[in-house]
Protein backbone atom coordinates (compact mmCIF):
# COMPACT_ATOMS: atom_id res chain seq x y z
CA MET A 1 17.67 -19.68 19.22
CA SER A 2 19.07 -16.20 20.01
CA GLN A 3 16.82 -13.53 19.11
CA THR A 4 19.66 -12.33 16.13
CA ALA A 5 19.55 -15.55 14.92
CA ALA A 6 15.41 -15.79 15.06
CA ALA A 7 15.20 -12.45 13.19
CA THR A 8 17.66 -13.22 10.29
CA ASP A 9 14.79 -16.12 9.58
CA ARG A 10 12.44 -13.54 8.78
CA THR A 11 11.61 -12.17 5.59
CA PRO A 12 11.06 -8.69 5.18
CA ALA A 13 8.40 -8.06 2.49
CA ASP A 14 7.95 -4.10 1.64
CA PHE A 15 4.92 -2.89 0.84
CA TRP A 16 3.88 0.08 -1.48
CA PHE A 17 0.38 1.51 -0.97
CA ASP A 18 -1.69 4.13 -1.57
CA PRO A 19 -4.71 4.60 1.00
CA SER A 20 -7.41 5.46 -1.18
CA CYS A 21 -7.42 2.14 -3.07
CA PRO A 22 -9.54 -0.41 -1.82
CA TRP A 23 -7.61 -3.51 -3.36
CA ALA A 24 -4.58 -2.43 -2.04
CA TRP A 25 -6.27 -2.56 1.28
CA LEU A 26 -7.47 -5.84 1.14
CA THR A 27 -4.04 -6.84 0.05
CA SER A 28 -2.35 -5.27 2.95
CA ARG A 29 -4.72 -6.90 5.35
CA TRP A 30 -4.03 -10.06 3.89
CA MET A 31 -0.04 -9.22 4.51
CA LEU A 32 -1.23 -8.50 8.10
CA GLU A 33 -1.86 -12.37 8.11
CA VAL A 34 1.00 -13.83 6.18
CA GLU A 35 2.98 -11.68 9.06
CA ARG A 36 1.20 -14.01 11.93
CA VAL A 37 0.94 -17.43 9.51
CA ARG A 38 4.89 -16.81 7.79
CA PRO A 39 7.76 -15.87 9.09
CA VAL A 40 7.25 -12.27 7.27
CA ASP A 41 7.88 -8.86 8.61
CA VAL A 42 5.91 -5.80 6.23
CA ARG A 43 7.63 -2.66 5.84
CA TRP A 44 5.10 -0.04 4.92
CA HIS A 45 5.58 2.69 2.45
CA VAL A 46 3.52 5.06 0.44
CA MET A 47 2.93 5.35 -3.41
CA SER A 48 0.24 7.42 -5.02
CA LEU A 49 -2.17 7.24 -7.32
CA GLY A 50 -1.91 10.71 -8.28
CA VAL A 51 1.50 10.97 -9.08
CA LEU A 52 1.06 7.50 -11.59
CA ASN A 53 -1.52 8.83 -13.04
CA GLU A 54 -0.72 12.75 -13.99
CA ASP A 55 0.80 12.11 -17.29
CA LYS A 56 -2.30 10.72 -18.53
CA LEU A 57 -5.32 12.15 -16.40
CA ASP A 58 -6.97 12.72 -20.28
CA GLN A 59 -6.54 8.73 -20.62
CA LEU A 60 -8.97 8.26 -17.40
CA PRO A 61 -12.47 8.10 -17.18
CA GLU A 62 -14.32 11.23 -16.02
CA GLU A 63 -14.89 10.27 -12.16
CA TYR A 64 -11.37 9.02 -11.99
CA ARG A 65 -9.68 11.67 -13.88
CA GLU A 66 -11.48 14.74 -11.35
CA LYS A 67 -10.35 12.34 -8.20
CA ASN A 68 -6.51 12.01 -9.89
CA ARG A 69 -5.87 15.83 -10.42
CA PRO A 70 -3.35 18.05 -8.08
CA GLY A 71 -5.61 18.61 -5.32
CA GLY A 72 -7.82 16.08 -6.09
CA PRO A 73 -9.27 13.81 -3.23
CA VAL A 74 -6.56 11.09 -3.82
CA TRP A 75 -3.79 13.45 -2.92
CA ALA A 76 -4.95 14.20 0.59
CA PRO A 77 -4.46 11.16 2.27
CA VAL A 78 -1.20 10.20 0.71
CA ARG A 79 0.11 13.25 1.58
CA VAL A 80 -0.58 12.97 5.68
CA CYS A 81 0.67 9.55 5.35
CA ILE A 82 3.92 10.64 3.65
CA ALA A 83 4.21 13.75 6.30
CA ALA A 84 3.38 10.93 9.16
CA GLU A 85 6.28 8.38 7.51
CA ARG A 86 9.05 11.56 7.80
CA GLU A 87 7.77 12.82 11.28
CA HIS A 88 7.19 9.87 12.70
CA GLY A 89 8.49 6.93 11.26
CA GLN A 90 7.49 3.47 9.72
CA GLU A 91 5.37 2.44 12.63
CA ALA A 92 3.32 5.06 12.80
CA LEU A 93 2.65 5.25 9.04
CA ALA A 94 1.28 1.49 9.72
CA ARG A 95 -0.90 2.74 12.13
CA LEU A 96 -2.49 5.50 10.47
CA TYR A 97 -2.75 2.95 7.01
CA THR A 98 -5.10 0.84 9.31
CA ALA A 99 -7.15 3.86 11.00
CA LEU A 100 -7.62 5.71 7.09
CA GLY A 101 -8.64 2.87 5.82
CA THR A 102 -11.15 1.40 8.28
CA ARG A 103 -12.76 4.61 7.67
CA PHE A 104 -12.14 4.77 4.17
CA HIS A 105 -12.87 1.41 2.97
CA HIS A 106 -15.15 -0.03 6.07
CA GLN A 107 -16.96 2.95 7.44
CA GLY A 108 -17.30 4.74 3.73
CA LEU A 109 -16.28 7.80 5.62
CA PRO A 110 -15.55 10.52 2.93
CA ARG A 111 -11.66 11.49 2.10
CA THR A 112 -11.95 15.19 4.13
CA LYS A 113 -9.95 16.61 6.58
CA GLU A 114 -12.19 15.86 8.98
CA THR A 115 -12.09 11.64 8.57
CA ILE A 116 -7.98 12.30 8.36
CA VAL A 117 -7.87 14.16 11.58
CA ALA A 118 -9.83 11.71 13.06
CA ALA A 119 -7.64 8.94 11.85
CA LEU A 120 -4.53 10.58 13.03
CA GLU A 121 -5.76 10.77 16.45
CA GLU A 122 -6.64 7.02 16.76
CA ALA A 123 -2.94 5.99 15.57
CA GLY A 124 -2.18 8.65 18.07
CA LEU A 125 -0.48 11.21 15.71
CA PRO A 126 -0.84 14.96 15.75
CA ALA A 127 -3.81 15.98 14.30
CA GLY A 128 -1.33 19.38 12.91
CA LEU A 129 -0.27 16.60 10.21
CA VAL A 130 -3.32 17.16 8.55
CA GLU A 131 -2.25 20.76 7.10
CA ALA A 132 -0.03 18.13 4.57
CA ALA A 133 -2.85 17.43 2.84
CA ASP A 134 -3.01 20.99 1.31
CA THR A 135 0.25 21.78 0.52
CA ASP A 136 3.44 20.34 -1.36
CA ALA A 137 5.86 20.21 1.13
CA TYR A 138 6.18 16.56 1.29
CA ASP A 139 5.82 15.90 -2.18
CA LYS A 140 9.36 15.34 -2.88
CA GLU A 141 9.48 12.69 -0.48
CA LEU A 142 6.25 11.03 -1.94
CA ARG A 143 7.67 11.17 -5.19
CA ALA A 144 10.66 9.68 -4.07
CA SER A 145 9.26 6.66 -2.52
CA HIS A 146 6.55 6.52 -5.36
CA LYS A 147 9.22 5.64 -7.54
CA GLU A 148 11.18 3.41 -5.44
CA GLY A 149 7.98 1.15 -6.00
CA ILE A 150 7.55 1.54 -9.48
CA ASP A 151 10.91 1.47 -10.63
CA LEU A 152 10.63 -2.06 -9.37
CA VAL A 153 7.98 -3.13 -11.21
CA GLY A 154 7.04 -0.94 -14.04
CA GLN A 155 4.57 2.23 -15.19
CA GLU A 156 2.00 -0.33 -16.77
CA VAL A 157 0.68 -1.66 -12.67
CA GLY A 158 -1.03 0.34 -9.96
CA THR A 159 -0.85 0.12 -6.09
CA PRO A 160 0.10 -2.42 -4.34
CA VAL A 161 3.89 -3.52 -5.22
CA ILE A 162 5.47 -5.68 -3.39
CA ALA A 163 8.77 -6.78 -2.94
CA VAL A 164 11.23 -9.61 -1.11
CA PRO A 165 14.89 -10.47 -1.35
CA GLY A 166 15.33 -13.26 -4.23
CA ALA A 167 18.06 -16.42 -3.42
CA ASP A 168 20.23 -14.72 -5.49
CA GLY A 169 20.20 -11.37 -3.90
CA GLU A 170 18.09 -9.66 -6.44
CA ARG A 171 14.38 -7.90 -5.27
CA ILE A 172 11.66 -10.17 -6.52
CA ALA A 173 9.02 -7.33 -6.79
CA PHE A 174 5.26 -7.64 -8.06
CA PHE A 175 1.84 -5.51 -8.51
CA GLY A 176 -0.79 -7.21 -6.32
CA PRO A 177 -2.17 -9.72 -5.68
CA VAL A 178 -5.93 -8.41 -6.06
CA VAL A 179 -7.83 -10.68 -4.01
CA THR A 180 -11.55 -10.14 -2.15
CA PRO A 181 -12.10 -10.85 0.62
CA ALA A 182 -9.01 -10.95 2.57
CA PRO A 183 -7.85 -14.44 2.85
CA LYS A 184 -7.07 -15.75 6.48
CA GLY A 185 -5.25 -18.54 7.90
CA GLU A 186 -3.99 -21.41 5.86
CA GLN A 187 -5.48 -19.70 2.98
CA ALA A 188 -2.85 -16.48 3.36
CA ALA A 189 -0.47 -18.76 4.00
CA GLN A 190 -0.90 -20.69 0.52
CA LEU A 191 -1.37 -17.52 -1.28
CA TRP A 192 1.67 -16.19 -0.34
CA ASP A 193 3.63 -19.09 -1.06
CA GLY A 194 2.13 -19.65 -4.43
CA THR A 195 2.92 -16.10 -5.28
CA LEU A 196 6.85 -15.91 -3.91
CA MET A 197 6.62 -19.19 -5.99
CA VAL A 198 5.59 -17.77 -9.77
CA ALA A 199 6.98 -14.12 -8.97
CA SER A 200 10.37 -15.84 -8.67
CA ILE A 201 10.47 -17.48 -11.75
CA PRO A 202 12.82 -15.56 -14.51
CA GLY A 203 10.33 -14.11 -17.56
CA PHE A 204 6.89 -14.71 -15.60
CA TYR A 205 4.82 -11.99 -15.61
CA GLU A 206 1.57 -12.12 -15.64
CA ILE A 207 -1.92 -14.13 -13.89
CA LYS A 208 -5.10 -12.53 -14.61
CA ARG A 209 -8.73 -12.77 -14.89
CA THR A 210 -12.03 -10.66 -14.99
CA ARG A 211 -13.00 -9.65 -11.19
CA THR A 212 -16.87 -10.47 -11.09
CA GLN A 213 -17.02 -8.78 -7.86
CA GLY A 214 -16.20 -5.60 -5.96
CA PRO A 215 -14.14 -5.66 -2.98
CA VAL A 216 -15.35 -7.54 0.08
CA PHE A 217 -14.46 -6.25 3.71
CA ASP A 218 -14.97 -8.08 6.29
């Protein structure tokens, strides 16, 4: 099989994330496993919990309200991520997301500029990108990326959002799946196959059950 033919046999999966969300992080690690066990190529995009919640801050619990306020801790990492993508491309964004997520979710480090700088350095990116954390210089791009993802699924969901091409040319998009810990091997493959199966059914909207445990990072 030629390289061109092999490439066309792979499915692009667009993945929108906010680096502050532990549930999106777990789903993203599952997607990396899906790349290994299925012919899927993940394309990373930024969305923002700050943007998602800016018109409903008064409806959030106080803890989340403060985090999501303009200039709050959820804004800095996502602004730096969109700056990295704008200046250095999607591969750089993927590296930065892994470096940030490892620090935030596995190591429990704070969402400070010092933590972000360390992640930038690990990802091979200029430390100066951290300056985007305190400005709205990239907010136009951030909002456009967020809108692209959220428009596929509606305002009643959060992060992550995944979209793949459908059989009829329309994109199949969905929020989640929310899962912990991130499945590996055949379980990862089965979850991917099953998620695509139900998401592709016209008129299918939701499966849900109460979470009985918090995020498990292995």
